[in-house]
């Protein structure tokens, strides 16, 4: 899962050589021409090379398991993207906690209190319970109604153009009476490959796009959030969200694919058949968004998903950091 930069070589300067070639063709004798040869440094690999590497790796997983592997990558400097099954609807699981916290900040008309900050921290940082996220939904909802809060989160996602991202009810609760799963462009296709939850769904592309929005407003580059909701103190709020997400330390999945000293702001999650991890990597060679989704019918074993997600993360990091790749430290021991 690494890349090797090409070696320096030479290249014919066609424009500089053309006049001598043309003159030689017109001479009756001395019909030799001198080509202008110049040194050439190797070019940086195109992002398509990373895409091909990941497609080959993920196809093996899908063939072996009958499951689905989705990846979304965005170069936050250029905006270039890689989309591999990134439009497939999936169970949002803990990824939905990012929109919930974002909507919490939008709803509050003042700085969060200490207790509210604790709820935000518990929601974005490693926590197997969903109590804090449900309490934030109640805070968002009028009259402490978590279902109304969920509807408000969904409405904000729709306003941002994330039409495949929705939440219908708090965590660990089924569809409320009288409601049904919304039809979206993603979940109305003929075959749903990842058995998405009826109460909360997203796609790798949309959660990755949301992360890019948070990054751009945090770094003072504007973007969709201040455009959709002008007047809010988005830069401060986005910076706080990323700060909380950087405190989410698990040592595996997306984190395992990058050096320990590299900052990663991410939110991961899993259920019986689906594992997800989405974040922003602040690497020396450039910042980027990486979202990974793995689905396997019935049950997805951690021993299967964790190494694969680490491999995808490592390949992505190595593409952005060709000169200082992150090699797998345990490879020698495994061999």
Foldseek 3Di string as FASTA:
>chain_A
DFDAFDAKDKDWPCVVQPVQQVVLVVDPPPSDGDTDIDIDGTDADDVVVLLVVLVVLVVVVCVVFVADKWKWKAFLVPRDIHTDQQLAKAACFLLVLLLLLVLLLVQDPDDDDPVLVVLNLCSQADDPDQVSSQQSLLVQAVPRANQNSQVVSQVVLVLLVQQFWGARGGPPDAHDPPDWQDDGPNPPDPDRRFPYHSGTIGGNVSSLVVQSCLVCLLVVNHDSPCVSPPPRSSNVSSVVLQVSQQNHDDCWQLNVLDDPVWTWRKGWGDDFFKTKIWTWTDDPLGIMIMIIMIGGPRGDDPVPPTVSSSVSNQSVNNSSVVPDGDDNPCPVVVD
